[in-house]
Amino acid sequence: MDIVYIRDLQVEALIGIYDWERSVKQMIRIDVEMGWDNRKPAASDNIKDTLNYKEAAQRIKRLVAETEYQLVETLAEHLVAMLIEKMQVPWVKLTLGKPYAVKNSSEVGVCIERHREDIAHG
């Protein structure tokens, strides 16, 4: 399985458990790896055969903008499920980080990996 990826996608999100986090958007960082068979697009040289990473990034940004989860874990799960369901991706590995959320750290967050079967069977 090949990988199509997006690195360091920065998106403003209303996310967090503290009162101040519920009133101000914070920048989050997202890395995503999506399983895809790149042999067909490599042979055809046609964009229609690819996993469109621009569309994936737009979908991620839209879901983040439309939601107000408290936990990064919840947002990560919903992002992965959306990519698997809407982009027909067989598996996704997603890292979601909140910069400077912990004193003396550059970033904290979660990294999850899910397969289509994980989403279908919840």
PDB file of N, CA and C in Angstrom:
ATOM      1  N   MET A   1       0.850  -1.186   0.000  1.00  0.00           N
ATOM      2  CA  MET A   1       0.000   0.000   0.000  1.00  0.00           C
ATOM      3  C   MET A   1       0.886   1.236   0.000  1.00  0.00           C
ATOM      4  N   ASP A   2       0.598   2.133  -0.895  1.00  0.00           N
ATOM      5  CA  ASP A   2       1.323   3.396  -0.979  1.00  0.00           C
ATOM      6  C   ASP A   2       0.709   4.393   0.010  1.00  0.00           C
ATOM      7  N   ILE A   3       1.368   5.513   0.171  1.00  0.00           N
ATOM      8  CA  ILE A   3       0.901   6.542   1.102  1.00  0.00           C
ATOM      9  C   ILE A   3       0.839   7.887   0.390  1.00  0.00           C
ATOM     10  N   VAL A   4      -0.293   8.544   0.524  1.00  0.00           N
ATOM     11  CA  VAL A   4      -0.446   9.938   0.122  1.00  0.00           C
ATOM     12  C   VAL A   4      -0.515  10.718   1.433  1.00  0.00           C
ATOM     13  N   TYR A   5       0.271  11.784   1.553  1.00  0.00           N
ATOM     14  CA  TYR A   5       0.319  12.462   2.846  1.00  0.00           C
ATOM     15  C   TYR A   5       0.201  13.972   2.733  1.00  0.00           C
ATOM     16  N   ILE A   6      -0.189  14.548   3.871  1.00  0.00           N
ATOM     17  CA  ILE A   6      -0.239  15.995   4.064  1.00  0.00           C
ATOM     18  C   ILE A   6       0.506  16.256   5.365  1.00  0.00           C
ATOM     19  N   ARG A   7       1.465  17.153   5.354  1.00  0.00           N
ATOM     20  CA  ARG A   7       2.262  17.463   6.546  1.00  0.00           C
ATOM     21  C   ARG A   7       1.986  18.884   7.033  1.00  0.00           C
ATOM     22  N   ASP A   8       1.861  18.986   8.335  1.00  0.00           N
ATOM     23  CA  ASP A   8       1.769  20.275   9.024  1.00  0.00           C
ATOM     24  C   ASP A   8       0.667  21.178   8.470  1.00  0.00           C
ATOM     25  N   LEU A   9      -0.508  20.589   8.298  1.00  0.00           N
ATOM     26  CA  LEU A   9      -1.681  21.382   7.918  1.00  0.00           C
ATOM     27  C   LEU A   9      -2.113  22.167   9.155  1.00  0.00           C
ATOM     28  N   GLN A  10      -2.089  23.472   9.071  1.00  0.00           N
ATOM     29  CA  GLN A  10      -2.404  24.312  10.216  1.00  0.00           C
ATOM     30  C   GLN A  10      -3.808  24.880  10.057  1.00  0.00           C
ATOM     31  N   VAL A  11      -4.622  24.626  11.077  1.00  0.00           N
ATOM     32  CA  VAL A  11      -6.033  24.986  11.022  1.00  0.00           C
ATOM     33  C   VAL A  11      -6.436  25.589  12.367  1.00  0.00           C
ATOM     34  N   GLU A  12      -7.231  26.643  12.325  1.00  0.00           N
ATOM     35  CA  GLU A  12      -7.764  27.212  13.566  1.00  0.00           C
ATOM     36  C   GLU A  12      -8.956  26.392  14.021  1.00  0.00           C
ATOM     37  N   ALA A  13      -8.965  26.075  15.324  1.00  0.00           N
ATOM     38  CA  ALA A  13     -10.026  25.230  15.867  1.00  0.00           C
ATOM     39  C   ALA A  13     -10.502  25.772  17.210  1.00  0.00           C
ATOM     40  N   LEU A  14     -11.782  25.629  17.440  1.00  0.00           N
ATOM     41  CA  LEU A  14     -12.327  25.878  18.764  1.00  0.00           C
ATOM     42  C   LEU A  14     -12.336  24.528  19.456  1.00  0.00           C
ATOM     43  N   ILE A  15     -11.345  24.297  20.306  1.00  0.00           N
ATOM     44  CA  ILE A  15     -11.172  22.988  20.921  1.00  0.00           C
ATOM     45  C   ILE A  15     -10.538  23.146  22.290  1.00  0.00           C
ATOM     46  N   GLY A  16     -10.990  22.351  23.237  1.00  0.00           N
ATOM     47  CA  GLY A  16     -10.412  22.384  24.573  1.00  0.00           C
ATOM     48  C   GLY A  16     -11.473  22.246  25.644  1.00  0.00           C
ATOM     49  N   ILE A  17     -11.005  21.988  26.857  1.00  0.00           N
ATOM     50  CA  ILE A  17     -11.921  21.756  27.980  1.00  0.00           C
ATOM     51  C   ILE A  17     -12.048  22.957  28.898  1.00  0.00           C
ATOM     52  N   TYR A  18     -11.116  23.887  28.805  1.00  0.00           N
ATOM     53  CA  TYR A  18     -11.143  25.039  29.709  1.00  0.00           C
ATOM     54  C   TYR A  18     -12.006  26.161  29.141  1.00  0.00           C
ATOM     55  N   ASP A  19     -12.549  26.972  30.040  1.00  0.00           N
ATOM     56  CA  ASP A  19     -13.432  28.061  29.622  1.00  0.00           C
ATOM     57  C   ASP A  19     -12.783  28.960  28.574  1.00  0.00           C
ATOM     58  N   TRP A  20     -11.523  29.330  28.790  1.00  0.00           N
ATOM     59  CA  TRP A  20     -10.865  30.223  27.838  1.00  0.00           C
ATOM     60  C   TRP A  20     -10.725  29.559  26.471  1.00  0.00           C
ATOM     61  N   GLU A  21     -10.591  28.224  26.440  1.00  0.00           N
ATOM     62  CA  GLU A  21     -10.463  27.518  25.165  1.00  0.00           C
ATOM     63  C   GLU A  21     -11.783  27.478  24.399  1.00  0.00           C
ATOM     64  N   ARG A  22     -12.871  27.664  25.101  1.00  0.00           N
ATOM     65  CA  ARG A  22     -14.193  27.640  24.481  1.00  0.00           C
ATOM     66  C   ARG A  22     -14.543  28.985  23.848  1.00  0.00           C
ATOM     67  N   SER A  23     -13.684  29.996  24.083  1.00  0.00           N
ATOM     68  CA  SER A  23     -14.003  31.328  23.568  1.00  0.00           C
ATOM     69  C   SER A  23     -13.003  31.857  22.542  1.00  0.00           C
ATOM     70  N   VAL A  24     -11.916  31.131  22.318  1.00  0.00           N
ATOM     71  CA  VAL A  24     -10.900  31.609  21.380  1.00  0.00           C
ATOM     72  C   VAL A  24     -10.399  30.434  20.538  1.00  0.00           C
ATOM     73  N   LYS A  25     -10.250  30.681  19.254  1.00  0.00           N
ATOM     74  CA  LYS A  25      -9.735  29.634  18.377  1.00  0.00           C
ATOM     75  C   LYS A  25      -8.229  29.489  18.579  1.00  0.00           C
ATOM     76  N   GLN A  26      -7.783  28.249  18.508  1.00  0.00           N
ATOM     77  CA  GLN A  26      -6.370  27.928  18.642  1.00  0.00           C
ATOM     78  C   GLN A  26      -5.886  27.279  17.344  1.00  0.00           C
ATOM     79  N   MET A  27      -4.634  27.484  17.039  1.00  0.00           N
ATOM     80  CA  MET A  27      -4.047  26.835  15.881  1.00  0.00           C
ATOM     81  C   MET A  27      -3.715  25.392  16.262  1.00  0.00           C
ATOM     82  N   ILE A  28      -4.156  24.453  15.447  1.00  0.00           N
ATOM     83  CA  ILE A  28      -3.763  23.062  15.613  1.00  0.00           C
ATOM     84  C   ILE A  28      -2.994  22.636  14.365  1.00  0.00           C
ATOM     85  N   ARG A  29      -2.201  21.594  14.513  1.00  0.00           N
ATOM     86  CA  ARG A  29      -1.408  21.066  13.399  1.00  0.00           C
ATOM     87  C   ARG A  29      -1.850  19.639  13.122  1.00  0.00           C
ATOM     88  N   ILE A  30      -1.980  19.323  11.849  1.00  0.00           N
ATOM     89  CA  ILE A  30      -2.436  17.996  11.457  1.00  0.00           C
ATOM     90  C   ILE A  30      -1.479  17.414  10.417  1.00  0.00           C
ATOM     91  N   ASP A  31      -1.024  16.206  10.685  1.00  0.00           N
ATOM     92  CA  ASP A  31      -0.317  15.394   9.702  1.00  0.00           C
ATOM     93  C   ASP A  31      -1.218  14.217   9.398  1.00  0.00           C
ATOM     94  N   VAL A  32      -1.346  13.882   8.127  1.00  0.00           N
ATOM     95  CA  VAL A  32      -2.199  12.754   7.763  1.00  0.00           C
ATOM     96  C   VAL A  32      -1.507  11.921   6.690  1.00  0.00           C
ATOM     97  N   GLU A  33      -1.565  10.612   6.877  1.00  0.00           N
ATOM     98  CA  GLU A  33      -1.100   9.656   5.883  1.00  0.00           C
ATOM     99  C   GLU A  33      -2.299   8.810   5.486  1.00  0.00           C
ATOM    100  N   MET A  34      -2.511   8.647   4.181  1.00  0.00           N
ATOM    101  CA  MET A  34      -3.660   7.892   3.688  1.00  0.00           C
ATOM    102  C   MET A  34      -3.169   6.797   2.754  1.00  0.00           C
ATOM    103  N   GLY A  35      -3.626   5.589   3.007  1.00  0.00           N
ATOM    104  CA  GLY A  35      -3.254   4.482   2.152  1.00  0.00           C
ATOM    105  C   GLY A  35      -3.918   4.604   0.790  1.00  0.00           C
ATOM    106  N   TRP A  36      -3.142   4.334  -0.262  1.00  0.00           N
ATOM    107  CA  TRP A  36      -3.680   4.447  -1.626  1.00  0.00           C
ATOM    108  C   TRP A  36      -2.788   3.659  -2.568  1.00  0.00           C
ATOM    109  N   ASP A  37      -3.362   3.067  -3.572  1.00  0.00           N
ATOM    110  CA  ASP A  37      -2.585   2.378  -4.598  1.00  0.00           C
ATOM    111  C   ASP A  37      -2.283   3.381  -5.703  1.00  0.00           C
ATOM    112  N   ASN A  38      -1.034   3.803  -5.786  1.00  0.00           N
ATOM    113  CA  ASN A  38      -0.640   4.832  -6.752  1.00  0.00           C
ATOM    114  C   ASN A  38      -0.238   4.272  -8.115  1.00  0.00           C
ATOM    115  N   ARG A  39      -0.361   2.976  -8.332  1.00  0.00           N
ATOM    116  CA  ARG A  39       0.039   2.412  -9.628  1.00  0.00           C
ATOM    117  C   ARG A  39      -0.845   2.902 -10.766  1.00  0.00           C
ATOM    118  N   LYS A  40      -2.154   2.973 -10.529  1.00  0.00           N
ATOM    119  CA  LYS A  40      -3.062   3.419 -11.593  1.00  0.00           C
ATOM    120  C   LYS A  40      -2.792   4.868 -12.004  1.00  0.00           C
ATOM    121  N   PRO A  41      -2.726   5.812 -11.047  1.00  0.00           N
ATOM    122  CA  PRO A  41      -2.425   7.186 -11.477  1.00  0.00           C
ATOM    123  C   PRO A  41      -1.028   7.325 -12.082  1.00  0.00           C
ATOM    124  N   ALA A  42      -0.079   6.536 -11.610  1.00  0.00           N
ATOM    125  CA  ALA A  42       1.266   6.603 -12.183  1.00  0.00           C
ATOM    126  C   ALA A  42       1.247   6.149 -13.640  1.00  0.00           C
ATOM    127  N   ALA A  43       0.444   5.139 -13.929  1.00  0.00           N
ATOM    128  CA  ALA A  43       0.367   4.626 -15.301  1.00  0.00           C
ATOM    129  C   ALA A  43      -0.429   5.553 -16.213  1.00  0.00           C
ATOM    130  N   SER A  44      -1.522   6.119 -15.684  1.00  0.00           N
ATOM    131  CA  SER A  44      -2.397   6.948 -16.525  1.00  0.00           C
ATOM    132  C   SER A  44      -1.939   8.400 -16.614  1.00  0.00           C
ATOM    133  N   ASP A  45      -1.210   8.866 -15.588  1.00  0.00           N
ATOM    134  CA  ASP A  45      -0.816  10.269 -15.480  1.00  0.00           C
ATOM    135  C   ASP A  45      -2.037  11.186 -15.521  1.00  0.00           C
ATOM    136  N   ASN A  46      -3.133  10.698 -14.880  1.00  0.00           N
ATOM    137  CA  ASN A  46      -4.403  11.414 -14.894  1.00  0.00           C
ATOM    138  C   ASN A  46      -4.829  11.723 -13.461  1.00  0.00           C
ATOM    139  N   ILE A  47      -5.103  12.971 -13.181  1.00  0.00           N
ATOM    140  CA  ILE A  47      -5.495  13.416 -11.847  1.00  0.00           C
ATOM    141  C   ILE A  47      -6.737  12.687 -11.331  1.00  0.00           C
ATOM    142  N   LYS A  48      -7.612  12.261 -12.232  1.00  0.00           N
ATOM    143  CA  LYS A  48      -8.841  11.572 -11.825  1.00  0.00           C
ATOM    144  C   LYS A  48      -8.571  10.242 -11.135  1.00  0.00           C
ATOM    145  N   ASP A  49      -7.382   9.674 -11.345  1.00  0.00           N
ATOM    146  CA  ASP A  49      -7.037   8.385 -10.751  1.00  0.00           C
ATOM    147  C   ASP A  49      -6.311   8.518  -9.412  1.00  0.00           C
ATOM    148  N   THR A  50      -6.040   9.742  -8.997  1.00  0.00           N
ATOM    149  CA  THR A  50      -5.272   9.953  -7.765  1.00  0.00           C
ATOM    150  C   THR A  50      -6.178  10.080  -6.548  1.00  0.00           C
ATOM    151  N   LEU A  51      -5.562  10.008  -5.384  1.00  0.00           N
ATOM    152  CA  LEU A  51      -6.221  10.427  -4.158  1.00  0.00           C
ATOM    153  C   LEU A  51      -5.932  11.922  -4.064  1.00  0.00           C
ATOM    154  N   ASN A  52      -6.959  12.724  -4.203  1.00  0.00           N
ATOM    155  CA  ASN A  52      -6.802  14.167  -4.305  1.00  0.00           C
ATOM    156  C   ASN A  52      -6.496  14.768  -2.926  1.00  0.00           C
ATOM    157  N   TYR A  53      -5.227  15.048  -2.663  1.00  0.00           N
ATOM    158  CA  TYR A  53      -4.828  15.561  -1.355  1.00  0.00           C
ATOM    159  C   TYR A  53      -5.339  16.976  -1.117  1.00  0.00           C
ATOM    160  N   LYS A  54      -5.559  17.738  -2.174  1.00  0.00           N
ATOM    161  CA  LYS A  54      -6.134  19.075  -1.996  1.00  0.00           C
ATOM    162  C   LYS A  54      -7.565  18.966  -1.470  1.00  0.00           C
ATOM    163  N   GLU A  55      -8.333  18.048  -2.042  1.00  0.00           N
ATOM    164  CA  GLU A  55      -9.698  17.824  -1.552  1.00  0.00           C
ATOM    165  C   GLU A  55      -9.684  17.315  -0.119  1.00  0.00           C
ATOM    166  N   ALA A  56      -8.757  16.411   0.201  1.00  0.00           N
ATOM    167  CA  ALA A  56      -8.653  15.892   1.571  1.00  0.00           C
ATOM    168  C   ALA A  56      -8.375  17.036   2.549  1.00  0.00           C
ATOM    169  N   ALA A  57      -7.448  17.927   2.203  1.00  0.00           N
ATOM    170  CA  ALA A  57      -7.119  19.058   3.067  1.00  0.00           C
ATOM    171  C   ALA A  57      -8.326  19.979   3.244  1.00  0.00           C
ATOM    172  N   GLN A  58      -9.053  20.232   2.166  1.00  0.00           N
ATOM    173  CA  GLN A  58     -10.238  21.092   2.258  1.00  0.00           C
ATOM    174  C   GLN A  58     -11.304  20.455   3.152  1.00  0.00           C
ATOM    175  N   ARG A  59     -11.491  19.155   3.033  1.00  0.00           N
ATOM    176  CA  ARG A  59     -12.471  18.463   3.880  1.00  0.00           C
ATOM    177  C   ARG A  59     -12.069  18.525   5.353  1.00  0.00           C
ATOM    178  N   ILE A  60     -10.775  18.357   5.617  1.00  0.00           N
ATOM    179  CA  ILE A  60     -10.275  18.452   6.993  1.00  0.00           C
ATOM    180  C   ILE A  60     -10.553  19.842   7.547  1.00  0.00           C
ATOM    181  N   LYS A  61     -10.189  20.873   6.790  1.00  0.00           N
ATOM    182  CA  LYS A  61     -10.394  22.256   7.247  1.00  0.00           C
ATOM    183  C   LYS A  61     -11.868  22.546   7.500  1.00  0.00           C
ATOM    184  N   ARG A  62     -12.716  22.060   6.615  1.00  0.00           N
ATOM    185  CA  ARG A  62     -14.155  22.296   6.758  1.00  0.00           C
ATOM    186  C   ARG A  62     -14.706  21.622   8.018  1.00  0.00           C
ATOM    187  N   LEU A  63     -14.324  20.361   8.266  1.00  0.00           N
ATOM    188  CA  LEU A  63     -14.818  19.668   9.453  1.00  0.00           C
ATOM    189  C   LEU A  63     -14.332  20.359  10.725  1.00  0.00           C
ATOM    190  N   VAL A  64     -13.071  20.774  10.746  1.00  0.00           N
ATOM    191  CA  VAL A  64     -12.541  21.477  11.924  1.00  0.00           C
ATOM    192  C   VAL A  64     -13.300  22.775  12.146  1.00  0.00           C
ATOM    193  N   ALA A  65     -13.591  23.511  11.095  1.00  0.00           N
ATOM    194  CA  ALA A  65     -14.291  24.797  11.211  1.00  0.00           C
ATOM    195  C   ALA A  65     -15.728  24.619  11.693  1.00  0.00           C
ATOM    196  N   GLU A  66     -16.344  23.492  11.361  1.00  0.00           N
ATOM    197  CA  GLU A  66     -17.757  23.266  11.690  1.00  0.00           C
ATOM    198  C   GLU A  66     -17.976  22.619  13.047  1.00  0.00           C
ATOM    199  N   THR A  67     -16.910  22.251  13.748  1.00  0.00           N
ATOM    200  CA  THR A  67     -17.061  21.528  15.012  1.00  0.00           C
ATOM    201  C   THR A  67     -16.422  22.283  16.163  1.00  0.00           C
ATOM    202  N   GLU A  68     -16.834  21.911  17.366  1.00  0.00           N
ATOM    203  CA  GLU A  68     -16.295  22.534  18.577  1.00  0.00           C
ATOM    204  C   GLU A  68     -16.086  21.465  19.641  1.00  0.00           C
ATOM    205  N   TYR A  69     -15.294  20.449  19.332  1.00  0.00           N
ATOM    206  CA  TYR A  69     -15.045  19.366  20.276  1.00  0.00           C
ATOM    207  C   TYR A  69     -14.203  19.846  21.445  1.00  0.00           C
ATOM    208  N   GLN A  70     -14.340  19.168  22.549  1.00  0.00           N
ATOM    209  CA  GLN A  70     -13.504  19.473  23.703  1.00  0.00           C
ATOM    210  C   GLN A  70     -12.163  18.758  23.622  1.00  0.00           C
ATOM    211  N   LEU A  71     -12.164  17.532  23.123  1.00  0.00           N
ATOM    212  CA  LEU A  71     -10.960  16.709  23.138  1.00  0.00           C
ATOM    213  C   LEU A  71     -10.341  16.555  21.747  1.00  0.00           C
ATOM    214  N   VAL A  72      -9.009  16.588  21.705  1.00  0.00           N
ATOM    215  CA  VAL A  72      -8.322  16.317  20.442  1.00  0.00           C
ATOM    216  C   VAL A  72      -8.587  14.885  19.993  1.00  0.00           C
ATOM    217  N   GLU A  73      -8.791  13.978  20.936  1.00  0.00           N
ATOM    218  CA  GLU A  73      -9.094  12.589  20.600  1.00  0.00           C
ATOM    219  C   GLU A  73     -10.384  12.490  19.785  1.00  0.00           C
ATOM    220  N   THR A  74     -11.390  13.246  20.181  1.00  0.00           N
ATOM    221  CA  THR A  74     -12.673  13.226  19.484  1.00  0.00           C
ATOM    222  C   THR A  74     -12.529  13.795  18.074  1.00  0.00           C
ATOM    223  N   LEU A  75     -11.853  14.922  17.957  1.00  0.00           N
ATOM    224  CA  LEU A  75     -11.652  15.525  16.643  1.00  0.00           C
ATOM    225  C   LEU A  75     -10.861  14.586  15.735  1.00  0.00           C
ATOM    226  N   ALA A  76      -9.812  13.974  16.249  1.00  0.00           N
ATOM    227  CA  ALA A  76      -8.996  13.059  15.448  1.00  0.00           C
ATOM    228  C   ALA A  76      -9.836  11.896  14.925  1.00  0.00           C
ATOM    229  N   GLU A  77     -10.655  11.294  15.788  1.00  0.00           N
ATOM    230  CA  GLU A  77     -11.496  10.166  15.364  1.00  0.00           C
ATOM    231  C   GLU A  77     -12.473  10.580  14.268  1.00  0.00           C
ATOM    232  N   HIS A  78     -13.079  11.750  14.417  1.00  0.00           N
ATOM    233  CA  HIS A  78     -14.042  12.207  13.415  1.00  0.00           C
ATOM    234  C   HIS A  78     -13.358  12.544  12.083  1.00  0.00           C
ATOM    235  N   LEU A  79     -12.168  13.103  12.146  1.00  0.00           N
ATOM    236  CA  LEU A  79     -11.434  13.397  10.917  1.00  0.00           C
ATOM    237  C   LEU A  79     -11.084  12.119  10.163  1.00  0.00           C
ATOM    238  N   VAL A  80     -10.586  11.125  10.890  1.00  0.00           N
ATOM    239  CA  VAL A  80     -10.217   9.859  10.255  1.00  0.00           C
ATOM    240  C   VAL A  80     -11.441   9.182   9.652  1.00  0.00           C
ATOM    241  N   ALA A  81     -12.536   9.134  10.398  1.00  0.00           N
ATOM    242  CA  ALA A  81     -13.765   8.508   9.885  1.00  0.00           C
ATOM    243  C   ALA A  81     -14.247   9.219   8.627  1.00  0.00           C
ATOM    244  N   MET A  82     -14.184  10.540   8.621  1.00  0.00           N
ATOM    245  CA  MET A  82     -14.618  11.300   7.453  1.00  0.00           C
ATOM    246  C   MET A  82     -13.753  10.974   6.240  1.00  0.00           C
ATOM    247  N   LEU A  83     -12.440  10.923   6.413  1.00  0.00           N
ATOM    248  CA  LEU A  83     -11.549  10.628   5.293  1.00  0.00           C
ATOM    249  C   LEU A  83     -11.794   9.228   4.741  1.00  0.00           C
ATOM    250  N   ILE A  84     -11.984   8.270   5.617  1.00  0.00           N
ATOM    251  CA  ILE A  84     -12.234   6.900   5.173  1.00  0.00           C
ATOM    252  C   ILE A  84     -13.562   6.812   4.427  1.00  0.00           C
ATOM    253  N   GLU A  85     -14.585   7.437   4.973  1.00  0.00           N
ATOM    254  CA  GLU A  85     -15.910   7.337   4.367  1.00  0.00           C
ATOM    255  C   GLU A  85     -16.056   8.188   3.106  1.00  0.00           C
ATOM    256  N   LYS A  86     -15.618   9.428   3.137  1.00  0.00           N
ATOM    257  CA  LYS A  86     -15.847  10.353   2.025  1.00  0.00           C
ATOM    258  C   LYS A  86     -14.809  10.237   0.911  1.00  0.00           C
ATOM    259  N   MET A  87     -13.588   9.872   1.260  1.00  0.00           N
ATOM    260  CA  MET A  87     -12.523   9.790   0.260  1.00  0.00           C
ATOM    261  C   MET A  87     -12.250   8.342  -0.165  1.00  0.00           C
ATOM    262  N   GLN A  88     -12.976   7.407   0.434  1.00  0.00           N
ATOM    263  CA  GLN A  88     -12.821   5.982   0.104  1.00  0.00           C
ATOM    264  C   GLN A  88     -11.381   5.500   0.308  1.00  0.00           C
ATOM    265  N   VAL A  89     -10.779   5.938   1.411  1.00  0.00           N
ATOM    266  CA  VAL A  89      -9.410   5.573   1.738  1.00  0.00           C
ATOM    267  C   VAL A  89      -9.439   4.314   2.609  1.00  0.00           C
ATOM    268  N   PRO A  90      -8.601   3.319   2.327  1.00  0.00           N
ATOM    269  CA  PRO A  90      -8.632   2.088   3.114  1.00  0.00           C
ATOM    270  C   PRO A  90      -8.064   2.221   4.522  1.00  0.00           C
ATOM    271  N   TRP A  91      -7.111   3.117   4.724  1.00  0.00           N
ATOM    272  CA  TRP A  91      -6.584   3.360   6.074  1.00  0.00           C
ATOM    273  C   TRP A  91      -6.005   4.762   6.168  1.00  0.00           C
ATOM    274  N   VAL A  92      -6.016   5.268   7.401  1.00  0.00           N
ATOM    275  CA  VAL A  92      -5.526   6.620   7.661  1.00  0.00           C
ATOM    276  C   VAL A  92      -4.740   6.623   8.962  1.00  0.00           C
ATOM    277  N   LYS A  93      -3.626   7.312   8.946  1.00  0.00           N
ATOM    278  CA  LYS A  93      -2.875   7.608  10.168  1.00  0.00           C
ATOM    279  C   LYS A  93      -2.873   9.119  10.303  1.00  0.00           C
ATOM    280  N   LEU A  94      -3.335   9.613  11.440  1.00  0.00           N
ATOM    281  CA  LEU A  94      -3.490  11.052  11.633  1.00  0.00           C
ATOM    282  C   LEU A  94      -2.855  11.471  12.944  1.00  0.00           C
ATOM    283  N   THR A  95      -2.060  12.525  12.881  1.00  0.00           N
ATOM    284  CA  THR A  95      -1.476  13.132  14.071  1.00  0.00           C
ATOM    285  C   THR A  95      -2.069  14.526  14.208  1.00  0.00           C
ATOM    286  N   LEU A  96      -2.612  14.810  15.383  1.00  0.00           N
ATOM    287  CA  LEU A  96      -3.240  16.104  15.645  1.00  0.00           C
ATOM    288  C   LEU A  96      -2.565  16.696  16.874  1.00  0.00           C
ATOM    289  N   GLY A  97      -1.979  17.871  16.718  1.00  0.00           N
ATOM    290  CA  GLY A  97      -1.252  18.492  17.814  1.00  0.00           C
ATOM    291  C   GLY A  97      -1.748  19.882  18.149  1.00  0.00           C
ATOM    292  N   LYS A  98      -1.682  20.196  19.435  1.00  0.00           N
ATOM    293  CA  LYS A  98      -1.966  21.546  19.922  1.00  0.00           C
ATOM    294  C   LYS A  98      -0.641  22.152  20.379  1.00  0.00           C
ATOM    295  N   PRO A  99      -0.122  23.100  19.621  1.00  0.00           N
ATOM    296  CA  PRO A  99       1.137  23.730  20.013  1.00  0.00           C
ATOM    297  C   PRO A  99       1.022  24.455  21.362  1.00  0.00           C
ATOM    298  N   TYR A 100       2.043  24.296  22.156  1.00  0.00           N
ATOM    299  CA  TYR A 100       2.195  25.017  23.428  1.00  0.00           C
ATOM    300  C   TYR A 100       1.073  24.766  24.426  1.00  0.00           C
ATOM    301  N   ALA A 101       0.378  23.647  24.313  1.00  0.00           N
ATOM    302  CA  ALA A 101      -0.720  23.348  25.239  1.00  0.00           C
ATOM    303  C   ALA A 101      -0.204  22.967  26.627  1.00  0.00           C
ATOM    304  N   VAL A 102       1.017  22.526  26.694  1.00  0.00           N
ATOM    305  CA  VAL A 102       1.644  22.190  27.970  1.00  0.00           C
ATOM    306  C   VAL A 102       2.898  23.047  28.117  1.00  0.00           C
ATOM    307  N   LYS A 103       3.038  23.631  29.282  1.00  0.00           N
ATOM    308  CA  LYS A 103       4.181  24.501  29.545  1.00  0.00           C
ATOM    309  C   LYS A 103       5.488  23.761  29.258  1.00  0.00           C
ATOM    310  N   ASN A 104       6.410  24.463  28.620  1.00  0.00           N
ATOM    311  CA  ASN A 104       7.737  23.951  28.276  1.00  0.00           C
ATOM    312  C   ASN A 104       7.716  22.837  27.223  1.00  0.00           C
ATOM    313  N   SER A 105       6.642  22.757  26.441  1.00  0.00           N
ATOM    314  CA  SER A 105       6.603  21.808  25.329  1.00  0.00           C
ATOM    315  C   SER A 105       6.249  22.571  24.059  1.00  0.00           C
ATOM    316  N   SER A 106       6.682  22.048  22.931  1.00  0.00           N
ATOM    317  CA  SER A 106       6.332  22.708  21.683  1.00  0.00           C
ATOM    318  C   SER A 106       4.970  22.254  21.180  1.00  0.00           C
ATOM    319  N   GLU A 107       4.545  21.048  21.582  1.00  0.00           N
ATOM    320  CA  GLU A 107       3.260  20.548  21.092  1.00  0.00           C
ATOM    321  C   GLU A 107       2.878  19.289  21.852  1.00  0.00           C
ATOM    322  N   VAL A 108       1.570  19.105  22.032  1.00  0.00           N
ATOM    323  CA  VAL A 108       1.030  17.851  22.561  1.00  0.00           C
ATOM    324  C   VAL A 108      -0.116  17.432  21.651  1.00  0.00           C
ATOM    325  N   GLY A 109      -0.464  16.159  21.683  1.00  0.00           N
ATOM    326  CA  GLY A 109      -1.561  15.718  20.839  1.00  0.00           C
ATOM    327  C   GLY A 109      -1.703  14.217  20.806  1.00  0.00           C
ATOM    328  N   VAL A 110      -2.332  13.738  19.757  1.00  0.00           N
ATOM    329  CA  VAL A 110      -2.580  12.312  19.595  1.00  0.00           C
ATOM    330  C   VAL A 110      -2.196  11.881  18.183  1.00  0.00           C
ATOM    331  N   CYS A 111      -1.891  10.615  18.064  1.00  0.00           N
ATOM    332  CA  CYS A 111      -1.630  10.002  16.767  1.00  0.00           C
ATOM    333  C   CYS A 111      -2.456   8.722  16.726  1.00  0.00           C
ATOM    334  N   ILE A 112      -3.362   8.619  15.740  1.00  0.00           N
ATOM    335  CA  ILE A 112      -4.205   7.433  15.639  1.00  0.00           C
ATOM    336  C   ILE A 112      -4.101   6.847  14.231  1.00  0.00           C
ATOM    337  N   GLU A 113      -4.325   5.556  14.133  1.00  0.00           N
ATOM    338  CA  GLU A 113      -4.353   4.867  12.852  1.00  0.00           C
ATOM    339  C   GLU A 113      -5.592   3.994  12.825  1.00  0.00           C
ATOM    340  N   ARG A 114      -6.376   4.136  11.771  1.00  0.00           N
ATOM    341  CA  ARG A 114      -7.608   3.364  11.628  1.00  0.00           C
ATOM    342  C   ARG A 114      -7.700   2.805  10.217  1.00  0.00           C
ATOM    343  N   HIS A 115      -8.328   1.634  10.130  1.00  0.00           N
ATOM    344  CA  HIS A 115      -8.612   0.988   8.852  1.00  0.00           C
ATOM    345  C   HIS A 115     -10.108   1.063   8.595  1.00  0.00           C
ATOM    346  N   ARG A 116     -10.485   0.893   7.363  1.00  0.00           N
ATOM    347  CA  ARG A 116     -11.905   0.949   6.986  1.00  0.00           C
ATOM    348  C   ARG A 116     -12.747   0.031   7.881  1.00  0.00           C
ATOM    349  N   GLU A 117     -12.216  -1.168   8.178  1.00  0.00           N
ATOM    350  CA  GLU A 117     -12.949  -2.122   9.019  1.00  0.00           C
ATOM    351  C   GLU A 117     -13.193  -1.585  10.421  1.00  0.00           C
ATOM    352  N   ASP A 118     -12.243  -0.783  10.942  1.00  0.00           N
ATOM    353  CA  ASP A 118     -12.392  -0.191  12.271  1.00  0.00           C
ATOM    354  C   ASP A 118     -13.574   0.780  12.308  1.00  0.00           C
ATOM    355  N   ILE A 119     -13.749   1.514  11.243  1.00  0.00           N
ATOM    356  CA  ILE A 119     -14.824   2.512  11.157  1.00  0.00           C
ATOM    357  C   ILE A 119     -16.162   1.831  10.925  1.00  0.00           C
ATOM    358  N   ALA A 120     -16.183   0.846  10.052  1.00  0.00           N
ATOM    359  CA  ALA A 120     -17.426   0.154   9.705  1.00  0.00           C
ATOM    360  C   ALA A 120     -18.015  -0.583  10.890  1.00  0.00           C
ATOM    361  N   HIS A 121     -17.151  -1.089  11.772  1.00  0.00           N
ATOM    362  CA  HIS A 121     -17.625  -1.866  12.915  1.00  0.00           C
ATOM    363  C   HIS A 121     -17.611  -1.085  14.215  1.00  0.00           C
ATOM    364  N   GLY A 122     -17.191   0.209  14.117  1.00  0.00           N
ATOM    365  CA  GLY A 122     -17.186   1.109  15.257  1.00  0.00           C
ATOM    366  C   GLY A 122     -16.460   0.558  16.411  1.00  0.00           C
TER     367      GLY A 122
END
